[in-house]
């Protein structure tokens, strides 16, 4: 009868206890007390084994407390991030994208950055991939630039509302041709929280928060 109690594995690690999700610190303590109460009087628990099990209990308690503290910090940090993200509603933002929207007959703002000064063009494509407008922006210096599309084709005719793609082409002084990635701008109308991620809604489209490249007051 006593042998079954005394055969508790003295080498059971804290990691094993934690990963099993079956033996918390309270259960561990109850098991240890039960072992002491039912030990064989003719063969009491070895001191080394007892100290080892108490050390395991102490380590388990510290690990549990640390995990609880971390969970509390994580929850508080998440709540803080959500509150800060919610304050972005109404702000103007630019996100990494090569799309530009036409809403209510008005074209969106295209943003891009040039590594060097260059002669710069912007081409607008419809959903079929056809170029419908090409605008020469002239010589632009290195740095960030914004272009407000007129939402018209090359003939000056208004295009329907929708989402179009664009490509920035730059020719540097030495003749180097570059295709530049761009961004699109709009007003943040909503903030969403899904699966631990924060999304902002711009012109009806959801974007992960890290895609924002620039913010300005609405």
N, C-alpha and C. Protein backbone atom coordinates (compact mmCIF):
# COMPACT_ATOMS: atom_id res chain seq x y z
N UNK A 1 0.84 -1.21 0.00
CA UNK A 1 0.00 0.00 0.00
C UNK A 1 0.86 1.24 0.00
N UNK A 2 1.94 1.19 0.81
CA UNK A 2 2.76 2.39 0.92
C UNK A 2 3.65 2.56 -0.30
N UNK A 3 3.99 1.45 -0.93
CA UNK A 3 4.91 1.54 -2.06
C UNK A 3 4.36 2.39 -3.17
N UNK A 4 3.02 2.31 -3.43
CA UNK A 4 2.44 3.06 -4.53
C UNK A 4 2.56 4.54 -4.32
N UNK A 5 2.49 5.00 -3.05
CA UNK A 5 2.60 6.43 -2.76
C UNK A 5 4.04 6.89 -2.85
N UNK A 6 4.94 6.05 -2.35
CA UNK A 6 6.34 6.45 -2.29
C UNK A 6 7.01 6.42 -3.66
N UNK A 7 6.37 5.83 -4.66
CA UNK A 7 6.98 5.72 -5.97
C UNK A 7 6.72 6.93 -6.85
N UNK A 8 6.40 8.06 -6.23
CA UNK A 8 6.26 9.30 -7.00
C UNK A 8 7.61 9.62 -7.62
N UNK A 9 7.61 9.99 -8.90
CA UNK A 9 8.86 10.23 -9.61
C UNK A 9 9.55 11.46 -9.06
N UNK A 10 10.70 11.32 -8.41
CA UNK A 10 11.39 12.49 -7.84
C UNK A 10 12.02 13.36 -8.90
N UNK A 11 12.13 12.86 -10.15
CA UNK A 11 12.77 13.60 -11.22
C UNK A 11 11.77 14.36 -12.09
N UNK A 12 10.50 14.39 -11.66
CA UNK A 12 9.48 15.09 -12.42
C UNK A 12 9.81 16.57 -12.47
N UNK A 13 9.92 17.12 -13.68
CA UNK A 13 10.37 18.51 -13.82
C UNK A 13 9.20 19.47 -13.81
N UNK A 14 9.53 20.75 -13.55
CA UNK A 14 8.50 21.78 -13.57
C UNK A 14 7.93 21.93 -14.96
N UNK A 15 8.81 21.81 -15.98
CA UNK A 15 8.33 21.92 -17.36
C UNK A 15 7.30 20.86 -17.68
N UNK A 16 7.54 19.62 -17.16
CA UNK A 16 6.57 18.55 -17.40
C UNK A 16 5.25 18.87 -16.76
N UNK A 17 5.30 19.40 -15.53
CA UNK A 17 4.06 19.74 -14.83
C UNK A 17 3.30 20.82 -15.58
N UNK A 18 4.05 21.82 -16.08
CA UNK A 18 3.39 22.94 -16.75
C UNK A 18 2.79 22.51 -18.06
N UNK A 19 3.57 21.69 -18.84
CA UNK A 19 3.11 21.30 -20.16
C UNK A 19 1.95 20.32 -20.09
N UNK A 20 1.89 19.50 -19.03
CA UNK A 20 0.82 18.52 -18.94
C UNK A 20 -0.52 19.17 -18.70
N UNK A 21 -0.52 20.36 -18.09
CA UNK A 21 -1.76 21.09 -17.78
C UNK A 21 -2.68 20.26 -16.89
N UNK A 22 -2.10 19.31 -16.15
CA UNK A 22 -2.92 18.43 -15.31
C UNK A 22 -2.57 18.57 -13.83
N UNK A 23 -1.35 19.04 -13.53
CA UNK A 23 -0.92 19.09 -12.14
C UNK A 23 -0.41 20.48 -11.82
N UNK A 24 -1.28 21.31 -11.25
CA UNK A 24 -0.90 22.65 -10.87
C UNK A 24 -0.22 22.63 -9.52
N UNK A 25 0.13 23.84 -9.03
CA UNK A 25 0.88 23.88 -7.77
C UNK A 25 0.03 23.38 -6.60
N UNK A 26 -1.29 23.63 -6.59
CA UNK A 26 -2.14 23.16 -5.50
C UNK A 26 -2.21 21.63 -5.48
N UNK A 27 -2.37 21.05 -6.66
CA UNK A 27 -2.41 19.59 -6.74
C UNK A 27 -1.07 18.98 -6.35
N UNK A 28 -0.02 19.66 -6.76
CA UNK A 28 1.33 19.18 -6.41
C UNK A 28 1.51 19.15 -4.90
N UNK A 29 1.06 20.23 -4.23
CA UNK A 29 1.20 20.32 -2.77
C UNK A 29 0.35 19.25 -2.08
N UNK A 30 -0.88 19.06 -2.57
CA UNK A 30 -1.74 18.03 -1.97
C UNK A 30 -1.13 16.65 -2.12
N UNK A 31 -0.54 16.39 -3.27
CA UNK A 31 0.09 15.09 -3.51
C UNK A 31 1.28 14.88 -2.59
N UNK A 32 2.04 15.95 -2.38
CA UNK A 32 3.21 15.86 -1.51
C UNK A 32 2.79 15.61 -0.06
N UNK A 33 1.74 16.31 0.39
CA UNK A 33 1.25 16.12 1.75
C UNK A 33 0.73 14.69 1.92
N UNK A 34 -0.01 14.22 0.91
CA UNK A 34 -0.54 12.85 0.95
C UNK A 34 0.61 11.85 1.03
N UNK A 35 1.65 12.10 0.29
CA UNK A 35 2.81 11.21 0.31
C UNK A 35 3.43 11.16 1.71
N UNK A 36 3.53 12.31 2.36
CA UNK A 36 4.12 12.37 3.70
C UNK A 36 3.23 11.66 4.73
N UNK A 37 1.91 11.85 4.59
CA UNK A 37 0.98 11.24 5.54
C UNK A 37 0.95 9.72 5.42
N UNK A 38 1.20 9.22 4.22
CA UNK A 38 1.08 7.79 3.99
C UNK A 38 2.41 7.09 3.81
N UNK A 39 3.50 7.78 4.16
CA UNK A 39 4.79 7.13 3.99
C UNK A 39 4.95 5.96 4.97
N UNK A 40 5.72 5.03 4.58
CA UNK A 40 6.00 3.84 5.38
C UNK A 40 6.86 4.23 6.58
N UNK A 41 6.35 4.06 7.82
CA UNK A 41 7.15 4.43 9.01
C UNK A 41 8.48 3.70 9.08
N UNK A 42 8.53 2.51 8.50
CA UNK A 42 9.77 1.74 8.52
C UNK A 42 10.75 2.20 7.45
N UNK A 43 10.22 3.01 6.50
CA UNK A 43 11.06 3.51 5.42
C UNK A 43 10.62 4.92 5.06
N UNK A 44 10.91 5.86 5.96
CA UNK A 44 10.46 7.24 5.73
C UNK A 44 11.11 7.84 4.49
N UNK A 45 10.50 8.94 4.03
CA UNK A 45 10.98 9.62 2.83
C UNK A 45 12.43 10.08 3.02
N UNK A 46 13.23 9.85 2.02
CA UNK A 46 14.62 10.31 2.05
C UNK A 46 14.66 11.83 2.06
N UNK A 47 15.55 12.42 2.90
CA UNK A 47 15.64 13.88 3.01
C UNK A 47 15.97 14.53 1.67
N UNK A 48 16.87 13.90 0.93
CA UNK A 48 17.25 14.46 -0.37
C UNK A 48 16.07 14.52 -1.31
N UNK A 49 15.27 13.44 -1.29
CA UNK A 49 14.08 13.38 -2.14
C UNK A 49 13.07 14.44 -1.71
N UNK A 50 12.89 14.60 -0.40
CA UNK A 50 11.94 15.58 0.11
C UNK A 50 12.36 16.99 -0.30
N UNK A 51 13.65 17.31 -0.10
CA UNK A 51 14.14 18.64 -0.47
C UNK A 51 13.98 18.87 -1.97
N UNK A 52 14.25 17.83 -2.75
CA UNK A 52 14.12 17.95 -4.20
C UNK A 52 12.68 18.27 -4.60
N UNK A 53 11.71 17.56 -3.96
CA UNK A 53 10.31 17.79 -4.29
C UNK A 53 9.85 19.17 -3.82
N UNK A 54 10.35 19.63 -2.69
CA UNK A 54 10.01 20.98 -2.23
C UNK A 54 10.59 22.03 -3.18
N UNK A 55 11.78 21.76 -3.69
CA UNK A 55 12.39 22.69 -4.64
C UNK A 55 11.57 22.75 -5.92
N UNK A 56 11.05 21.57 -6.34
CA UNK A 56 10.20 21.53 -7.52
C UNK A 56 8.92 22.33 -7.28
N UNK A 57 8.37 22.18 -6.09
CA UNK A 57 7.15 22.93 -5.77
C UNK A 57 7.41 24.44 -5.80
N UNK A 58 8.54 24.86 -5.23
CA UNK A 58 8.89 26.28 -5.20
C UNK A 58 9.07 26.82 -6.61
N UNK A 59 9.76 26.02 -7.45
CA UNK A 59 9.97 26.45 -8.83
C UNK A 59 8.66 26.52 -9.59
N UNK A 60 7.76 25.54 -9.34
CA UNK A 60 6.47 25.53 -10.00
C UNK A 60 5.65 26.75 -9.61
N UNK A 61 5.68 27.09 -8.31
CA UNK A 61 4.93 28.26 -7.84
C UNK A 61 5.46 29.53 -8.48
N UNK A 62 6.79 29.67 -8.55
CA UNK A 62 7.38 30.86 -9.16
C UNK A 62 7.02 30.93 -10.65
N UNK A 63 7.06 29.79 -11.33
CA UNK A 63 6.71 29.77 -12.75
C UNK A 63 5.25 30.17 -12.96
N UNK A 64 4.37 29.65 -12.10
CA UNK A 64 2.94 29.97 -12.19
C UNK A 64 2.70 31.46 -11.95
N UNK A 65 3.36 32.00 -10.93
CA UNK A 65 3.20 33.43 -10.63
C UNK A 65 3.72 34.30 -11.77
N UNK A 66 4.86 33.88 -12.35
CA UNK A 66 5.43 34.63 -13.45
C UNK A 66 4.50 34.59 -14.66
N UNK A 67 3.92 33.42 -14.93
CA UNK A 67 3.01 33.29 -16.06
C UNK A 67 1.77 34.16 -15.86
N UNK A 68 1.25 34.17 -14.63
CA UNK A 68 0.07 35.01 -14.33
C UNK A 68 0.40 36.49 -14.50
N UNK A 69 1.59 36.88 -14.04
CA UNK A 69 1.99 38.28 -14.17
C UNK A 69 2.15 38.67 -15.63
N UNK A 70 2.72 37.76 -16.42
CA UNK A 70 2.90 38.04 -17.85
C UNK A 70 1.55 38.14 -18.55
N UNK A 71 0.62 37.24 -18.22
CA UNK A 71 -0.72 37.30 -18.82
C UNK A 71 -1.40 38.63 -18.52
N UNK A 72 -1.25 39.10 -17.27
CA UNK A 72 -1.85 40.38 -16.87
C UNK A 72 -1.23 41.52 -17.66
N UNK A 73 0.12 41.48 -17.79
CA UNK A 73 0.81 42.52 -18.57
C UNK A 73 0.36 42.49 -20.02
N UNK A 74 0.26 41.28 -20.58
CA UNK A 74 -0.13 41.13 -21.98
C UNK A 74 -1.53 41.69 -22.21
N UNK A 75 -2.46 41.39 -21.30
CA UNK A 75 -3.83 41.89 -21.43
C UNK A 75 -3.87 43.41 -21.33
N UNK A 76 -3.12 43.97 -20.37
CA UNK A 76 -3.09 45.42 -20.22
C UNK A 76 -2.47 46.09 -21.44
N UNK A 77 -1.40 45.48 -21.97
CA UNK A 77 -0.73 46.04 -23.15
C UNK A 77 -1.66 46.00 -24.34
N UNK A 78 -2.38 44.87 -24.51
CA UNK A 78 -3.32 44.74 -25.62
C UNK A 78 -4.43 45.78 -25.53
N UNK A 79 -4.96 45.99 -24.32
CA UNK A 79 -6.01 46.99 -24.14
C UNK A 79 -5.50 48.39 -24.46
N UNK A 80 -4.26 48.67 -24.03
CA UNK A 80 -3.67 49.98 -24.31
C UNK A 80 -3.50 50.20 -25.81
N UNK A 81 -3.03 49.16 -26.51
CA UNK A 81 -2.85 49.26 -27.96
C UNK A 81 -4.18 49.49 -28.66
N UNK A 82 -5.23 48.81 -28.19
CA UNK A 82 -6.54 48.97 -28.81
C UNK A 82 -7.08 50.39 -28.61
N UNK A 83 -6.87 50.93 -27.42
CA UNK A 83 -7.32 52.30 -27.16
C UNK A 83 -6.58 53.30 -28.04
N UNK A 84 -5.27 53.11 -28.17
CA UNK A 84 -4.49 54.00 -29.02
C UNK A 84 -4.91 53.88 -30.48
N UNK A 85 -5.15 52.65 -30.93
CA UNK A 85 -5.56 52.44 -32.32
C UNK A 85 -6.92 53.08 -32.58
N UNK A 86 -7.84 53.00 -31.62
CA UNK A 86 -9.17 53.58 -31.79
C UNK A 86 -9.10 55.09 -31.97
N UNK A 87 -8.07 55.71 -31.41
CA UNK A 87 -7.92 57.17 -31.54
C UNK A 87 -7.53 57.59 -32.95
N UNK A 88 -7.20 56.61 -33.82
CA UNK A 88 -6.81 56.93 -35.19
C UNK A 88 -8.02 57.24 -36.08
N UNK A 89 -9.21 56.90 -35.63
CA UNK A 89 -10.40 57.14 -36.45
C UNK A 89 -10.52 58.63 -36.76
N UNK A 90 -10.71 58.94 -38.04
CA UNK A 90 -10.81 60.32 -38.47
C UNK A 90 -9.50 60.91 -38.97
N UNK A 91 -8.38 60.18 -38.71
CA UNK A 91 -7.08 60.66 -39.17
C UNK A 91 -6.87 60.29 -40.64
N UNK A 92 -6.07 61.10 -41.34
CA UNK A 92 -5.69 60.77 -42.70
C UNK A 92 -4.46 59.88 -42.65
N UNK A 93 -4.45 58.86 -43.50
CA UNK A 93 -3.36 57.89 -43.47
C UNK A 93 -2.99 57.45 -44.88
N UNK A 94 -1.74 57.05 -45.01
CA UNK A 94 -1.26 56.45 -46.24
C UNK A 94 -0.83 55.02 -45.93
N UNK A 95 -1.20 54.10 -46.83
CA UNK A 95 -0.83 52.69 -46.64
C UNK A 95 -0.12 52.18 -47.88
N UNK A 96 0.76 51.21 -47.68
CA UNK A 96 1.48 50.62 -48.81
C UNK A 96 0.49 49.98 -49.77
N UNK A 97 0.45 50.47 -51.00
CA UNK A 97 -0.50 49.95 -51.98
C UNK A 97 -0.21 50.57 -53.34
N UNK A 98 -0.50 49.83 -54.40
CA UNK A 98 -0.43 50.37 -55.75
C UNK A 98 -1.84 50.47 -56.33
N UNK A 99 -2.78 50.78 -55.45
CA UNK A 99 -4.16 50.98 -55.86
C UNK A 99 -4.58 52.40 -55.53
N UNK A 100 -5.47 52.94 -56.34
CA UNK A 100 -6.03 54.26 -56.10
C UNK A 100 -7.53 54.18 -56.33
N UNK A 101 -8.30 54.78 -55.45
CA UNK A 101 -9.76 54.69 -55.52
C UNK A 101 -10.37 55.95 -56.12
N UNK A 102 -11.49 55.73 -56.80
CA UNK A 102 -12.32 56.84 -57.25
C UNK A 102 -13.65 56.70 -56.53
N UNK A 103 -13.98 57.66 -55.69
CA UNK A 103 -15.20 57.62 -54.89
C UNK A 103 -15.97 58.92 -55.12
N UNK A 104 -17.20 58.78 -55.58
CA UNK A 104 -18.01 59.98 -55.84
C UNK A 104 -17.40 60.86 -56.91
N UNK A 105 -16.73 60.25 -57.88
CA UNK A 105 -16.12 61.00 -58.97
C UNK A 105 -14.80 61.66 -58.63
N UNK A 106 -14.32 61.45 -57.40
CA UNK A 106 -13.07 62.08 -56.97
C UNK A 106 -11.97 61.02 -56.84
N UNK A 107 -10.83 61.32 -57.43
CA UNK A 107 -9.70 60.40 -57.37
C UNK A 107 -8.96 60.49 -56.06
N UNK A 108 -8.34 59.40 -55.70
CA UNK A 108 -7.59 59.35 -54.46
C UNK A 108 -6.20 59.95 -54.61
N UNK A 109 -5.48 59.98 -53.50
CA UNK A 109 -4.13 60.53 -53.48
C UNK A 109 -3.11 59.40 -53.55
N UNK A 110 -2.15 59.56 -54.45
CA UNK A 110 -1.09 58.59 -54.64
C UNK A 110 0.18 59.10 -53.96
N UNK A 111 0.78 58.27 -53.16
CA UNK A 111 2.02 58.65 -52.51
C UNK A 111 3.17 57.76 -52.97
N UNK A 112 4.36 58.30 -53.02
CA UNK A 112 5.53 57.52 -53.40
C UNK A 112 6.79 58.23 -52.93
N UNK A 113 7.89 57.52 -52.96
CA UNK A 113 9.16 58.06 -52.50
C UNK A 113 10.25 57.78 -53.53
N UNK A 114 10.99 58.81 -53.90
CA UNK A 114 12.07 58.66 -54.86
C UNK A 114 13.42 58.59 -54.14
N UNK A 115 14.26 57.61 -54.50
CA UNK A 115 15.59 57.53 -53.86
C UNK A 115 16.53 58.63 -54.34
N UNK A 116 16.30 59.08 -55.59
CA UNK A 116 17.09 60.16 -56.17
C UNK A 116 16.17 61.05 -57.00
N UNK A 117 16.68 62.24 -57.35
CA UNK A 117 15.91 63.09 -58.24
C UNK A 117 15.70 62.39 -59.58
N UNK A 118 14.50 62.54 -60.15
CA UNK A 118 14.20 61.81 -61.39
C UNK A 118 13.03 62.45 -62.14
N UNK A 119 13.01 62.23 -63.46
CA UNK A 119 11.86 62.58 -64.28
C UNK A 119 10.80 61.52 -64.02
N UNK A 120 9.64 61.95 -63.59
CA UNK A 120 8.67 61.00 -63.01
C UNK A 120 7.34 60.99 -63.76
N UNK A 121 6.83 59.77 -63.96
CA UNK A 121 5.53 59.57 -64.61
C UNK A 121 4.67 58.68 -63.72
N UNK A 122 3.36 58.84 -63.82
CA UNK A 122 2.44 57.92 -63.16
C UNK A 122 1.47 57.37 -64.21
N UNK A 123 1.33 56.07 -64.24
CA UNK A 123 0.40 55.41 -65.16
C UNK A 123 -0.74 54.80 -64.37
N UNK A 124 -1.94 54.97 -64.86
CA UNK A 124 -3.14 54.43 -64.21
C UNK A 124 -3.71 53.32 -65.09
N UNK A 125 -4.05 52.20 -64.45
CA UNK A 125 -4.57 51.04 -65.17
C UNK A 125 -5.99 50.73 -64.68
N UNK A 126 -6.83 50.24 -65.62
CA UNK A 126 -8.16 49.79 -65.21
C UNK A 126 -8.09 48.33 -64.77
N UNK A 127 -9.24 47.73 -64.47
CA UNK A 127 -9.27 46.36 -63.94
C UNK A 127 -8.78 45.32 -64.95
N UNK A 128 -8.78 45.66 -66.23
CA UNK A 128 -8.31 44.73 -67.26
C UNK A 128 -6.81 44.86 -67.50
N UNK A 129 -6.18 45.81 -66.83
CA UNK A 129 -4.74 46.02 -67.01
C UNK A 129 -4.40 46.99 -68.12
N UNK A 130 -5.40 47.66 -68.66
CA UNK A 130 -5.18 48.63 -69.73
C UNK A 130 -4.82 50.00 -69.16
N UNK A 131 -3.81 50.64 -69.76
CA UNK A 131 -3.43 51.99 -69.33
C UNK A 131 -4.50 52.97 -69.79
N UNK A 132 -5.11 53.68 -68.84
CA UNK A 132 -6.16 54.63 -69.18
C UNK A 132 -5.71 56.08 -69.00
N UNK A 133 -4.60 56.28 -68.31
CA UNK A 133 -4.12 57.63 -68.10
C UNK A 133 -2.63 57.61 -67.78
N UNK A 134 -1.90 58.53 -68.37
CA UNK A 134 -0.48 58.71 -68.07
C UNK A 134 -0.24 60.18 -67.78
N UNK A 135 0.33 60.44 -66.62
CA UNK A 135 0.59 61.81 -66.21
C UNK A 135 2.10 62.02 -66.04
N UNK A 136 2.62 63.09 -66.69
CA UNK A 136 4.02 63.45 -66.52
C UNK A 136 4.11 64.41 -65.35
N UNK A 137 4.79 63.99 -64.30
CA UNK A 137 4.90 64.82 -63.11
C UNK A 137 6.12 65.73 -63.15
N UNK A 138 6.98 65.53 -64.16
CA UNK A 138 8.16 66.36 -64.30
C UNK A 138 9.32 65.88 -63.44
N UNK A 139 10.31 66.75 -63.31
CA UNK A 139 11.49 66.40 -62.52
C UNK A 139 11.19 66.62 -61.05
N UNK A 140 11.34 65.58 -60.26
CA UNK A 140 11.08 65.65 -58.83
C UNK A 140 12.34 65.31 -58.06
N UNK A 141 12.52 65.98 -56.95
CA UNK A 141 13.68 65.73 -56.10
C UNK A 141 13.48 64.44 -55.31
N UNK A 142 14.57 63.93 -54.76
CA UNK A 142 14.50 62.74 -53.90
C UNK A 142 13.63 63.05 -52.68
N UNK A 143 12.89 62.03 -52.23
CA UNK A 143 12.04 62.21 -51.05
C UNK A 143 10.62 61.77 -51.31
N UNK A 144 9.73 62.12 -50.37
CA UNK A 144 8.33 61.72 -50.45
C UNK A 144 7.52 62.72 -51.28
N UNK A 145 6.58 62.18 -52.04
CA UNK A 145 5.75 63.01 -52.90
C UNK A 145 4.31 62.52 -52.88
N UNK A 146 3.37 63.42 -53.14
CA UNK A 146 1.96 63.09 -53.23
C UNK A 146 1.41 63.60 -54.55
N UNK A 147 0.52 62.80 -55.15
CA UNK A 147 -0.12 63.20 -56.40
C UNK A 147 -1.61 62.90 -56.29
N UNK A 148 -2.43 63.92 -56.51
CA UNK A 148 -3.88 63.77 -56.46
C UNK A 148 -4.39 63.52 -57.87
N UNK A 149 -4.88 62.29 -58.08
CA UNK A 149 -5.35 61.94 -59.43
C UNK A 149 -6.68 62.62 -59.70
N UNK A 150 -6.85 63.09 -60.92
CA UNK A 150 -8.07 63.81 -61.31
C UNK A 150 -9.24 62.88 -61.61
N UNK A 151 -9.00 61.57 -61.63
CA UNK A 151 -10.04 60.57 -61.94
C UNK A 151 -10.57 60.74 -63.36
N UNK A 152 -9.67 61.12 -64.28
CA UNK A 152 -10.02 61.22 -65.70
C UNK A 152 -9.05 60.38 -66.50
N UNK A 153 -9.47 59.97 -67.70
CA UNK A 153 -8.57 59.22 -68.57
C UNK A 153 -7.73 60.19 -69.41
N UNK A 154 -6.96 59.64 -70.33
CA UNK A 154 -6.05 60.47 -71.13
C UNK A 154 -6.79 61.48 -71.99
N UNK A 155 -8.08 61.25 -72.25
CA UNK A 155 -8.89 62.18 -73.04
C UNK A 155 -9.62 63.19 -72.17
N UNK A 156 -9.38 63.16 -70.87
CA UNK A 156 -10.02 64.11 -69.97
C UNK A 156 -11.43 63.72 -69.57
N UNK A 157 -11.82 62.47 -69.85
CA UNK A 157 -13.17 62.00 -69.53
C UNK A 157 -13.16 61.35 -68.14
N UNK A 158 -14.15 61.70 -67.34
CA UNK A 158 -14.25 61.13 -66.00
C UNK A 158 -14.42 59.61 -66.07
N UNK A 159 -13.72 58.91 -65.19
CA UNK A 159 -13.83 57.45 -65.15
C UNK A 159 -14.83 57.06 -64.06
N UNK A 160 -15.41 55.87 -64.16
CA UNK A 160 -16.38 55.42 -63.15
C UNK A 160 -15.73 55.22 -61.79
N UNK A 161 -16.55 55.28 -60.75
CA UNK A 161 -16.05 54.97 -59.41
C UNK A 161 -15.51 53.54 -59.37
N UNK A 162 -14.52 53.33 -58.58
CA UNK A 162 -13.94 51.99 -58.46
C UNK A 162 -12.50 52.07 -58.01
N UNK A 163 -11.85 50.92 -58.05
CA UNK A 163 -10.45 50.82 -57.65
C UNK A 163 -9.59 50.58 -58.88
N UNK A 164 -8.56 51.40 -59.03
CA UNK A 164 -7.64 51.31 -60.15
C UNK A 164 -6.23 51.06 -59.61
N UNK A 165 -5.36 50.59 -60.46
CA UNK A 165 -3.97 50.40 -60.05
C UNK A 165 -3.10 51.45 -60.73
N UNK A 166 -1.96 51.70 -60.12
CA UNK A 166 -1.05 52.69 -60.70
C UNK A 166 0.38 52.18 -60.63
N UNK A 167 1.23 52.78 -61.45
CA UNK A 167 2.66 52.48 -61.42
C UNK A 167 3.43 53.78 -61.58
N UNK A 168 4.39 53.98 -60.70
CA UNK A 168 5.26 55.14 -60.77
C UNK A 168 6.52 54.74 -61.53
N UNK A 169 6.84 55.50 -62.58
CA UNK A 169 8.05 55.25 -63.34
C UNK A 169 8.95 56.46 -63.24
N UNK A 170 10.22 56.22 -62.95
CA UNK A 170 11.17 57.32 -62.76
C UNK A 170 12.41 57.08 -63.61
N UNK A 171 12.90 58.16 -64.22
CA UNK A 171 14.13 58.10 -65.01
C UNK A 171 15.15 59.02 -64.35
N UNK A 172 16.19 58.44 -63.79
CA UNK A 172 17.19 59.23 -63.09
C UNK A 172 18.14 59.91 -64.08
N UNK A 173 18.96 60.80 -63.56
CA UNK A 173 19.82 61.63 -64.40
C UNK A 173 20.76 60.81 -65.28
N UNK A 174 21.21 59.67 -64.76
CA UNK A 174 22.13 58.83 -65.53
C UNK A 174 21.41 57.89 -66.49
N UNK A 175 20.09 58.04 -66.60
CA UNK A 175 19.31 57.23 -67.52
C UNK A 175 18.71 55.97 -66.90
N UNK A 176 18.98 55.74 -65.63
CA UNK A 176 18.43 54.57 -64.96
C UNK A 176 16.92 54.66 -64.85
N UNK A 177 16.24 53.59 -65.30
CA UNK A 177 14.78 53.53 -65.22
C UNK A 177 14.37 52.75 -63.96
N UNK A 178 13.45 53.32 -63.19
CA UNK A 178 12.97 52.67 -61.98
C UNK A 178 11.46 52.58 -61.98
N UNK A 179 10.95 51.50 -61.41
CA UNK A 179 9.52 51.38 -61.12
C UNK A 179 9.38 51.46 -59.60
N UNK A 180 8.63 52.45 -59.16
CA UNK A 180 8.56 52.77 -57.74
C UNK A 180 7.25 52.27 -57.14
N UNK A 181 7.36 51.59 -56.00
CA UNK A 181 6.15 51.19 -55.27
C UNK A 181 5.50 52.43 -54.66
N UNK A 182 4.21 52.36 -54.48
CA UNK A 182 3.51 53.54 -53.98
C UNK A 182 2.67 53.26 -52.75
N UNK A 183 1.89 54.26 -52.42
CA UNK A 183 0.96 54.15 -51.30
C UNK A 183 -0.31 54.89 -51.67
N UNK A 184 -1.38 54.60 -50.97
CA UNK A 184 -2.64 55.29 -51.21
C UNK A 184 -3.10 55.95 -49.92
N UNK A 185 -3.81 57.04 -50.07
CA UNK A 185 -4.23 57.78 -48.89
C UNK A 185 -5.74 57.83 -48.74
N UNK A 186 -6.15 58.13 -47.54
CA UNK A 186 -7.58 58.25 -47.25
C UNK A 186 -7.78 58.51 -45.77
N UNK A 187 -9.03 58.58 -45.38
CA UNK A 187 -9.37 58.82 -43.97
C UNK A 187 -9.72 57.50 -43.29
N UNK A 188 -9.18 57.27 -42.11
CA UNK A 188 -9.49 56.06 -41.35
C UNK A 188 -10.91 56.18 -40.80
N UNK A 189 -11.78 55.30 -41.26
CA UNK A 189 -13.18 55.37 -40.84
C UNK A 189 -13.52 54.38 -39.73
N UNK A 190 -12.66 53.38 -39.53
CA UNK A 190 -12.94 52.38 -38.49
C UNK A 190 -11.65 51.66 -38.12
N UNK A 191 -11.65 51.08 -36.93
CA UNK A 191 -10.53 50.25 -36.47
C UNK A 191 -11.12 48.92 -36.02
N UNK A 192 -10.49 47.82 -36.46
CA UNK A 192 -11.00 46.49 -36.14
C UNK A 192 -9.91 45.67 -35.45
N UNK A 193 -10.35 44.75 -34.58
CA UNK A 193 -9.44 43.87 -33.87
C UNK A 193 -9.84 42.43 -34.16
N UNK A 194 -8.98 41.72 -34.86
CA UNK A 194 -9.27 40.33 -35.23
C UNK A 194 -8.04 39.47 -35.01
N UNK A 195 -8.23 38.37 -34.27
CA UNK A 195 -7.15 37.39 -34.03
C UNK A 195 -5.87 38.05 -33.52
N UNK A 196 -6.05 39.02 -32.62
CA UNK A 196 -4.89 39.68 -32.04
C UNK A 196 -4.25 40.72 -32.94
N UNK A 197 -4.82 40.95 -34.12
CA UNK A 197 -4.27 41.93 -35.05
C UNK A 197 -5.18 43.16 -35.11
N UNK A 198 -4.57 44.31 -35.41
CA UNK A 198 -5.31 45.56 -35.53
C UNK A 198 -5.38 45.95 -37.01
N UNK A 199 -6.59 46.25 -37.47
CA UNK A 199 -6.81 46.67 -38.85
C UNK A 199 -7.47 48.04 -38.87
N UNK A 200 -7.09 48.85 -39.87
CA UNK A 200 -7.75 50.14 -40.06
C UNK A 200 -8.51 50.09 -41.38
N UNK A 201 -9.67 50.74 -41.41
CA UNK A 201 -10.48 50.77 -42.62
C UNK A 201 -10.30 52.12 -43.30
N UNK A 202 -9.84 52.06 -44.55
CA UNK A 202 -9.64 53.25 -45.36
C UNK A 202 -10.35 53.06 -46.69
N UNK A 203 -11.28 53.96 -46.98
CA UNK A 203 -12.06 53.86 -48.22
C UNK A 203 -12.74 52.50 -48.36
N UNK A 204 -13.21 51.96 -47.23
CA UNK A 204 -13.95 50.71 -47.25
C UNK A 204 -13.09 49.46 -47.29
N UNK A 205 -11.77 49.61 -47.26
CA UNK A 205 -10.86 48.46 -47.32
C UNK A 205 -10.08 48.37 -46.01
N UNK A 206 -9.93 47.15 -45.49
CA UNK A 206 -9.20 46.93 -44.24
C UNK A 206 -7.72 46.66 -44.52
N UNK A 207 -6.86 47.34 -43.74
CA UNK A 207 -5.42 47.17 -43.89
C UNK A 207 -4.81 46.89 -42.52
N UNK A 208 -3.82 45.97 -42.46
CA UNK A 208 -3.12 45.76 -41.18
C UNK A 208 -2.43 47.05 -40.76
N UNK A 209 -2.43 47.32 -39.47
CA UNK A 209 -1.85 48.56 -38.96
C UNK A 209 -0.41 48.79 -39.43
N UNK A 210 0.46 47.74 -39.51
CA UNK A 210 1.84 47.98 -39.94
C UNK A 210 1.97 48.51 -41.37
N UNK A 211 0.89 48.43 -42.16
CA UNK A 211 0.96 48.92 -43.54
C UNK A 211 0.87 50.44 -43.63
N UNK A 212 0.50 51.08 -42.52
CA UNK A 212 0.42 52.54 -42.53
C UNK A 212 1.84 53.11 -42.62
N UNK A 213 2.03 54.01 -43.59
CA UNK A 213 3.34 54.62 -43.78
C UNK A 213 3.37 56.08 -43.32
N UNK A 214 2.19 56.68 -43.21
CA UNK A 214 2.15 58.09 -42.82
C UNK A 214 0.79 58.42 -42.21
N UNK A 215 0.80 59.28 -41.21
CA UNK A 215 -0.41 59.74 -40.57
C UNK A 215 -0.41 61.27 -40.52
N UNK A 216 -1.61 61.85 -40.67
CA UNK A 216 -1.74 63.30 -40.53
C UNK A 216 -3.13 63.61 -39.98
N UNK A 217 -3.29 64.77 -39.39
CA UNK A 217 -4.57 65.16 -38.81
C UNK A 217 -5.63 65.28 -39.89
N UNK A 218 -6.81 64.75 -39.56
CA UNK A 218 -7.92 64.80 -40.52
C UNK A 218 -8.46 66.21 -40.69
